[in-house]
Amino acid sequence: MKAAVYVGNSHIEVQSVPVPRAGPGEMLVKVHACGICHTDLKKVEHNLLAPPRIFGHETAGEVVDVGAGVTAYRPGDRVIAFHHIPCRDCFYCRRKLYAQCGVYKKVGITAGFEPAGGGFAQYIRIMDWVVRDGIERIPDGVTYEQAAFVEPVNTCLKAVTEMDPQPEDVVLIQGQGPIGLIFTMLAARTGARVITSDTMPARRRLSIRYGALESLDPKADSVPARMKEHSGGRGADQVFVAASARGIVEEAVRAARPGARIMLFAQTSDTERIELSGADICKEERAILGCYSASIDLQAESARLVFDGDLPVEGLVSHRLPIDEIERGIALALRPGEQSLKIMVQPQRWS
């Protein structure tokens, strides 16, 4: 099969590799769509994991084989699969901090080599603990592209559920890339007053379409000042930081009222540093939170939101690329322009 293999030195190379085989309790899935996610981009760009690896985890496809003991699924089933599933019995799982669970940190899907998601390949092997708890069937009438959004929607829903915005809240969402726009859709559904920011006019226009009352240009507008205008002089009740630009967390604090909650969502790099006044947090009683990856508790709800069309996620797809053009897709995702949003890889296509 064809697979986009990370070979080191920030480089991906399309190679011919063996099709995986499904062992006992496992499944083999033919990948029809896989979104390019920024967590994978960081691993490639900054060489965070040893090569060779096959990345990609926003994956939707068709079951083509099942191993011994698998009775819940059969060839022909259309599915999405979560690549991280927790044990649900450890110290962290009992506190619902699933992303800190040792089993959760193990990747349960591979297309070969060290497991890394595997969605940038034509076939993936899904391991037994993911087959048991990490699969959602795709209903008739839902495209593979649409279904590939279930995992990223879950990650955003997890953060929104943690923050729990109320209808009277003024919410700022910084960054309106694909993840920021999903946040906008979800926050707008709560009835909160949603204000967003992004440097790209096209993304700001989409933001208004998806529920924002106003979308600000942080290069031209004073985001903190506008948030005060929207809140009777106080500042935002909640801020979601959905981008990792320099100084963006500091701007979030300036835009937030005393006692506000600030959710860091894009700050996943070990090298990123934030400098804040202690008084901004302690004296003014702001809370800074972090949220990472998906929650098994929200798996079914995230699938429902996508499959029922409650979130118009297919409108976020800007490019559909065959597997041999994945390097162009990664370049587009790393340096997005006005016309680029979610880049979708279609491994069964070849240009």
Protein backbone atom coordinates (compact mmCIF):
# COMPACT_ATOMS: atom_id res chain seq x y z
CA MET A 1 0.00 0.00 0.00
CA LYS A 2 0.98 3.67 -0.27
CA ALA A 3 1.79 5.53 2.93
CA ALA A 4 3.21 8.95 3.81
CA VAL A 5 6.15 8.02 6.02
CA TYR A 6 7.89 10.51 8.31
CA VAL A 7 11.58 9.82 7.66
CA GLY A 8 13.14 12.47 9.90
CA ASN A 9 14.59 15.95 9.26
CA SER A 10 11.05 17.41 9.08
CA HIS A 11 10.36 15.37 5.94
CA ILE A 12 7.56 13.02 4.83
CA GLU A 13 8.05 10.64 1.93
CA VAL A 14 5.39 8.58 0.15
CA GLN A 15 6.54 4.96 0.16
CA SER A 16 5.22 1.51 -0.57
CA VAL A 17 4.86 -0.41 2.72
CA PRO A 18 3.19 -3.72 3.64
CA VAL A 19 -0.53 -3.70 4.36
CA PRO A 20 -0.97 -4.41 8.10
CA ARG A 21 -2.74 -7.57 9.25
CA ALA A 22 -5.49 -7.69 11.86
CA GLY A 23 -4.57 -9.87 14.83
CA PRO A 24 -6.95 -11.32 17.42
CA GLY A 25 -9.42 -8.67 18.60
CA GLU A 26 -8.21 -6.20 15.94
CA MET A 27 -9.55 -4.72 12.70
CA LEU A 28 -8.13 -3.67 9.36
CA VAL A 29 -9.67 -0.48 7.98
CA LYS A 30 -9.35 1.04 4.51
CA VAL A 31 -8.78 4.77 5.03
CA HIS A 32 -10.94 7.07 2.91
CA ALA A 33 -10.32 10.42 4.66
CA CYS A 34 -7.86 11.77 7.21
CA GLY A 35 -7.55 15.40 8.26
CA ILE A 36 -4.17 17.03 8.79
CA CYS A 37 -3.96 18.09 12.45
CA HIS A 38 -1.53 20.60 13.93
CA THR A 39 -0.37 18.14 16.57
CA ASP A 40 0.95 15.93 13.76
CA LEU A 41 2.44 18.97 12.03
CA LYS A 42 4.41 19.86 15.15
CA LYS A 43 5.75 16.32 15.40
CA VAL A 44 6.98 16.51 11.81
CA GLU A 45 8.22 20.10 11.77
CA HIS A 46 10.10 19.85 15.06
CA ASN A 47 11.13 16.18 14.78
CA LEU A 48 9.54 15.33 18.13
CA LEU A 49 9.42 11.55 17.59
CA ALA A 50 11.97 9.16 16.16
CA PRO A 51 11.39 8.04 12.53
CA PRO A 52 10.05 6.14 10.75
CA ARG A 53 6.40 6.83 11.61
CA ILE A 54 3.10 7.15 9.79
CA PHE A 55 1.05 9.94 11.32
CA GLY A 56 -2.59 10.95 10.89
CA HIS A 57 -5.37 10.39 13.43
CA GLU A 58 -8.51 12.21 12.20
CA THR A 59 -9.45 9.05 10.35
CA ALA A 60 -12.57 7.64 8.69
CA GLY A 61 -12.77 4.48 6.62
CA GLU A 62 -14.27 1.07 5.86
CA VAL A 63 -13.67 -2.18 7.73
CA VAL A 64 -12.12 -4.74 5.37
CA ASP A 65 -11.07 -7.46 7.82
CA VAL A 66 -11.58 -8.42 11.46
CA GLY A 67 -9.45 -10.61 13.69
CA ALA A 68 -10.51 -13.57 15.77
CA GLY A 69 -12.99 -12.66 18.49
CA VAL A 70 -14.33 -9.49 16.86
CA THR A 71 -18.11 -9.80 16.61
CA ALA A 72 -19.33 -6.18 16.90
CA TYR A 73 -18.00 -5.17 13.46
CA ARG A 74 -17.71 -6.79 10.07
CA PRO A 75 -16.29 -5.98 6.65
CA GLY A 76 -18.22 -3.19 4.97
CA ASP A 77 -18.91 -1.24 8.17
CA ARG A 78 -18.06 2.46 7.84
CA VAL A 79 -16.30 3.71 10.97
CA ILE A 80 -14.22 6.36 12.65
CA ALA A 81 -11.65 5.35 15.25
CA PHE A 82 -10.11 7.23 18.17
CA HIS A 83 -6.39 6.52 18.39
CA HIS A 84 -6.25 7.13 22.18
CA ILE A 85 -8.55 5.23 24.57
CA PRO A 86 -8.03 5.19 28.38
CA CYS A 87 -8.09 2.25 30.78
CA ARG A 88 -10.86 3.97 32.86
CA ASP A 89 -9.55 2.42 36.07
CA CYS A 90 -6.30 4.21 37.00
CA PHE A 91 -5.69 7.21 39.29
CA TYR A 92 -6.16 9.69 36.43
CA CYS A 93 -9.14 7.95 34.85
CA ARG A 94 -11.01 7.95 38.15
CA ARG A 95 -10.59 11.73 38.10
CA LYS A 96 -11.61 11.88 34.42
CA LEU A 97 -8.15 13.14 33.43
CA TYR A 98 -8.07 10.59 30.65
CA ALA A 99 -5.28 12.20 28.63
CA GLN A 100 -2.90 11.55 31.55
CA CYS A 101 -3.70 7.82 31.69
CA GLY A 102 -0.78 5.54 30.80
CA VAL A 103 -2.95 3.42 28.51
CA TYR A 104 -4.38 6.53 26.86
CA LYS A 105 -0.87 7.72 26.02
CA LYS A 106 -0.32 4.50 24.02
CA VAL A 107 -1.38 4.91 20.39
CA GLY A 108 -3.82 2.17 19.42
CA ILE A 109 -3.77 2.56 15.63
CA THR A 110 -0.91 1.92 13.21
CA ALA A 111 -0.19 1.61 9.51
CA GLY A 112 3.24 0.16 10.26
CA PHE A 113 6.35 1.07 12.24
CA GLU A 114 5.90 2.52 15.76
CA PRO A 115 2.17 3.26 16.22
CA ALA A 116 1.46 6.93 15.42
CA GLY A 117 -2.13 7.05 14.13
CA GLY A 118 -1.51 5.76 10.62
CA GLY A 119 -4.22 7.74 8.84
CA PHE A 120 -1.81 9.00 6.18
CA ALA A 121 -1.83 5.52 4.65
CA GLN A 122 -4.28 3.43 2.66
CA TYR A 123 -4.92 0.91 5.46
CA ILE A 124 -4.67 0.95 9.25
CA ARG A 125 -4.62 -1.74 11.91
CA ILE A 126 -6.83 -0.90 14.89
CA MET A 127 -5.72 -2.59 18.10
CA ASP A 128 -7.99 -4.53 20.41
CA TRP A 129 -8.60 -1.96 23.16
CA VAL A 130 -9.58 0.63 20.55
CA VAL A 131 -11.84 -1.86 18.78
CA ARG A 132 -13.61 -2.44 22.12
CA ASP A 133 -14.16 1.18 23.11
CA GLY A 134 -12.96 3.63 20.46
CA ILE A 135 -15.09 3.02 17.37
CA GLU A 136 -18.16 4.90 16.13
CA ARG A 137 -20.17 3.71 13.13
CA ILE A 138 -20.76 6.23 10.35
CA PRO A 139 -24.46 6.45 9.43
CA ASP A 140 -25.72 6.30 5.86
CA GLY A 141 -25.68 9.71 4.23
CA VAL A 142 -22.63 10.95 6.17
CA THR A 143 -19.48 11.35 4.10
CA TYR A 144 -16.09 10.08 5.19
CA GLU A 145 -14.83 13.69 5.20
CA GLN A 146 -17.58 14.78 7.54
CA ALA A 147 -16.96 11.76 9.79
CA ALA A 148 -13.25 12.55 10.03
CA PHE A 149 -14.17 15.59 12.15
CA VAL A 150 -15.51 13.52 15.06
CA GLU A 151 -12.14 13.35 16.85
CA PRO A 152 -11.28 17.09 16.58
CA VAL A 153 -14.85 18.01 17.55
CA ASN A 154 -14.47 15.81 20.63
CA THR A 155 -11.31 17.67 21.70
CA CYS A 156 -13.09 21.03 21.38
CA LEU A 157 -16.26 19.79 23.07
CA LYS A 158 -14.12 18.60 25.98
CA ALA A 159 -12.78 22.13 26.50
CA VAL A 160 -16.19 23.79 26.09
CA THR A 161 -17.74 21.33 28.55
CA GLU A 162 -15.00 22.12 31.06
CA MET A 163 -15.54 25.87 30.70
CA ASP A 164 -19.36 25.56 30.65
CA PRO A 165 -20.22 28.96 29.11
CA GLN A 166 -23.62 30.34 30.11
CA PRO A 167 -26.05 32.35 27.96
CA GLU A 168 -25.14 35.61 29.69
CA ASP A 169 -21.37 35.09 29.27
CA VAL A 170 -19.17 37.09 26.92
CA VAL A 171 -16.72 34.62 25.34
CA LEU A 172 -13.59 35.44 23.36
CA ILE A 173 -12.12 32.82 21.01
CA GLN A 174 -8.65 33.69 19.76
CA GLY A 175 -7.81 32.11 16.41
CA GLN A 176 -10.29 31.07 13.74
CA GLY A 177 -8.55 28.23 12.00
CA PRO A 178 -10.46 24.93 11.80
CA ILE A 179 -10.23 24.34 15.58
CA GLY A 180 -11.13 27.93 16.47
CA LEU A 181 -14.13 27.78 14.15
CA ILE A 182 -15.32 24.55 15.79
CA PHE A 183 -15.04 26.36 19.13
CA THR A 184 -17.13 29.19 17.69
CA MET A 185 -19.83 26.75 16.55
CA LEU A 186 -19.92 25.02 19.93
CA ALA A 187 -19.83 28.19 22.05
CA ALA A 188 -22.55 29.84 19.96
CA ARG A 189 -24.82 26.83 20.65
CA THR A 190 -24.69 27.63 24.39
CA GLY A 191 -26.26 31.06 23.84
CA ALA A 192 -23.14 32.90 24.99
CA ARG A 193 -22.12 36.14 23.29
CA VAL A 194 -19.17 35.00 21.16
CA ILE A 195 -16.46 37.38 19.95
CA THR A 196 -13.54 36.02 17.95
CA SER A 197 -10.21 37.20 16.61
CA ASP A 198 -8.01 36.25 13.67
CA THR A 199 -5.59 38.01 11.35
CA MET A 200 -7.20 36.66 8.14
CA PRO A 201 -10.30 38.42 6.76
CA ALA A 202 -11.69 35.21 5.19
CA ARG A 203 -11.57 33.43 8.54
CA ARG A 204 -13.21 36.38 10.29
CA ARG A 205 -16.04 36.27 7.76
CA LEU A 206 -16.53 32.55 8.36
CA SER A 207 -16.52 33.21 12.08
CA ILE A 208 -19.53 35.50 11.75
CA ARG A 209 -21.30 32.87 9.63
CA TYR A 210 -20.71 30.25 12.32
CA GLY A 211 -22.08 32.28 15.21
CA ALA A 212 -19.71 35.06 16.28
CA LEU A 213 -21.25 38.48 16.94
CA GLU A 214 -18.03 40.19 15.88
CA SER A 215 -14.63 39.01 14.67
CA LEU A 216 -11.63 41.21 15.39
CA ASP A 217 -8.30 41.69 13.66
CA PRO A 218 -5.70 41.59 16.48
CA LYS A 219 -3.26 43.53 14.29
CA ALA A 220 -5.68 46.43 13.79
CA ASP A 221 -8.12 46.23 16.70
CA SER A 222 -7.51 46.42 20.43
CA VAL A 223 -8.98 43.09 21.45
CA PRO A 224 -8.96 43.91 25.20
CA ALA A 225 -10.69 47.24 24.57
CA ARG A 226 -13.38 45.68 22.40
CA MET A 227 -14.04 42.98 24.98
CA LYS A 228 -14.63 45.67 27.59
CA GLU A 229 -17.07 47.38 25.24
CA HIS A 230 -18.98 44.12 24.84
CA SER A 231 -19.18 43.52 28.60
CA GLY A 232 -20.05 46.78 30.29
CA GLY A 233 -16.38 47.64 30.89
CA ARG A 234 -15.44 44.36 32.62
CA GLY A 235 -13.77 42.17 29.96
CA ALA A 236 -14.47 38.66 28.71
CA ASP A 237 -15.96 36.13 31.11
CA GLN A 238 -14.18 33.32 29.27
CA VAL A 239 -11.35 33.11 26.74
CA PHE A 240 -10.44 30.14 24.55
CA VAL A 241 -6.87 30.38 23.22
CA ALA A 242 -7.10 28.41 19.96
CA ALA A 243 -3.86 29.66 18.39
CA SER A 244 -0.24 29.73 19.50
CA ALA A 245 1.00 33.10 18.24
CA ARG A 246 3.56 34.98 20.30
CA GLY A 247 1.91 37.05 23.03
CA ILE A 248 -1.56 35.59 22.54
CA VAL A 249 -1.94 34.29 26.12
CA GLU A 250 -0.84 37.64 27.50
CA GLU A 251 -3.51 39.26 25.29
CA ALA A 252 -6.07 36.77 26.62
CA VAL A 253 -5.33 37.87 30.21
CA ARG A 254 -5.64 41.55 29.27
CA ALA A 255 -8.96 40.85 27.53
CA ALA A 256 -10.41 38.86 30.46
CA ARG A 257 -12.18 40.38 33.46
CA PRO A 258 -11.15 39.67 37.06
CA GLY A 259 -12.38 36.20 37.98
CA ALA A 260 -12.48 35.07 34.34
CA ARG A 261 -11.52 31.61 33.11
CA ILE A 262 -8.93 31.25 30.35
CA MET A 263 -8.59 27.95 28.48
CA LEU A 264 -5.23 27.18 26.84
CA PHE A 265 -5.85 24.78 23.96
CA ALA A 266 -3.06 25.37 21.44
CA GLN A 267 -0.10 25.67 23.81
CA THR A 268 1.24 22.12 23.34
CA SER A 269 4.92 22.84 22.71
CA ASP A 270 7.45 22.23 25.49
CA THR A 271 9.44 25.21 24.21
CA GLU A 272 6.60 27.74 24.43
CA ARG A 273 6.95 30.23 27.28
CA ILE A 274 4.35 32.61 28.74
CA GLU A 275 5.17 35.62 30.89
CA LEU A 276 2.40 36.94 33.12
CA SER A 277 2.13 39.15 36.16
CA GLY A 278 1.38 37.12 39.27
CA ALA A 279 -1.12 39.78 40.31
CA ASP A 280 -3.07 39.28 37.06
CA ILE A 281 -3.81 35.75 38.22
CA CYS A 282 -3.69 35.87 42.02
CA LYS A 283 -4.94 39.34 42.90
CA GLU A 284 -7.54 39.46 40.12
CA GLU A 285 -8.57 35.83 40.67
CA ARG A 286 -8.36 34.64 37.09
CA ALA A 287 -8.14 30.90 36.43
CA ILE A 288 -5.93 29.50 33.67
CA LEU A 289 -6.87 26.00 32.53
CA GLY A 290 -5.47 23.52 30.04
CA CYS A 291 -7.23 20.94 27.90
CA TYR A 292 -5.66 18.32 25.66
CA SER A 293 -6.95 15.57 23.39
CA ALA A 294 -10.29 13.74 23.44
CA SER A 295 -12.58 12.44 26.19
CA ILE A 296 -14.16 9.00 25.98
CA ASP A 297 -17.11 10.38 27.97
CA LEU A 298 -17.91 12.70 25.04
CA GLN A 299 -17.26 10.21 22.25
CA ALA A 300 -20.90 9.46 21.45
CA GLU A 301 -21.98 13.10 21.75
CA SER A 302 -19.20 14.35 19.48
CA ALA A 303 -20.20 11.74 16.90
CA ARG A 304 -23.85 12.78 17.17
CA LEU A 305 -23.03 16.46 16.68
CA VAL A 306 -21.13 15.66 13.50
CA PHE A 307 -23.36 12.91 12.09
CA ASP A 308 -26.62 14.79 12.71
CA GLY A 309 -25.25 17.89 10.99
CA ASP A 310 -25.59 20.06 14.09
CA LEU A 311 -22.11 21.42 13.32
CA PRO A 312 -21.53 22.34 9.64
CA VAL A 313 -17.97 20.97 9.70
CA GLU A 314 -17.74 20.04 6.01
CA GLY A 315 -17.65 23.76 5.26
CA LEU A 316 -14.24 23.86 6.94
CA VAL A 317 -12.59 21.66 4.28
CA SER A 318 -10.61 23.84 1.89
CA HIS A 319 -8.40 21.23 0.18
CA ARG A 320 -8.84 17.57 -0.72
CA LEU A 321 -5.54 16.00 -1.70
CA PRO A 322 -4.45 12.56 -2.88
CA ILE A 323 -1.86 10.85 -0.72
CA ASP A 324 1.05 11.63 -3.06
CA GLU A 325 0.40 15.37 -2.56
CA ILE A 326 0.58 15.24 1.22
CA GLU A 327 3.73 17.35 1.35
CA ARG A 328 1.81 20.18 -0.33
CA GLY A 329 -0.97 19.67 2.20
CA ILE A 330 1.45 19.90 5.11
CA ALA A 331 2.99 23.06 3.66
CA LEU A 332 -0.48 24.60 3.31
CA ALA A 333 -1.38 23.67 6.90
CA LEU A 334 1.90 25.00 8.29
CA ARG A 335 1.64 28.31 6.42
CA PRO A 336 -2.10 28.84 5.91
CA GLY A 337 -3.33 31.48 3.52
CA GLU A 338 -6.66 33.18 3.01
CA GLN A 339 -8.12 30.18 1.21
CA SER A 340 -6.79 27.33 3.35
CA LEU A 341 -8.52 25.75 6.34
CA LYS A 342 -8.82 22.01 6.95
CA ILE A 343 -6.64 19.97 4.60
CA MET A 344 -8.16 16.54 3.98
CA VAL A 345 -5.99 13.67 2.73
CA GLN A 346 -7.73 11.00 0.63
CA PRO A 347 -5.35 8.01 0.74
CA GLN A 348 -7.21 5.99 -1.90
CA ARG A 349 -6.61 8.74 -4.48
CA TRP A 350 -3.41 9.08 -6.48
CA SER A 351 -2.74 12.09 -8.72
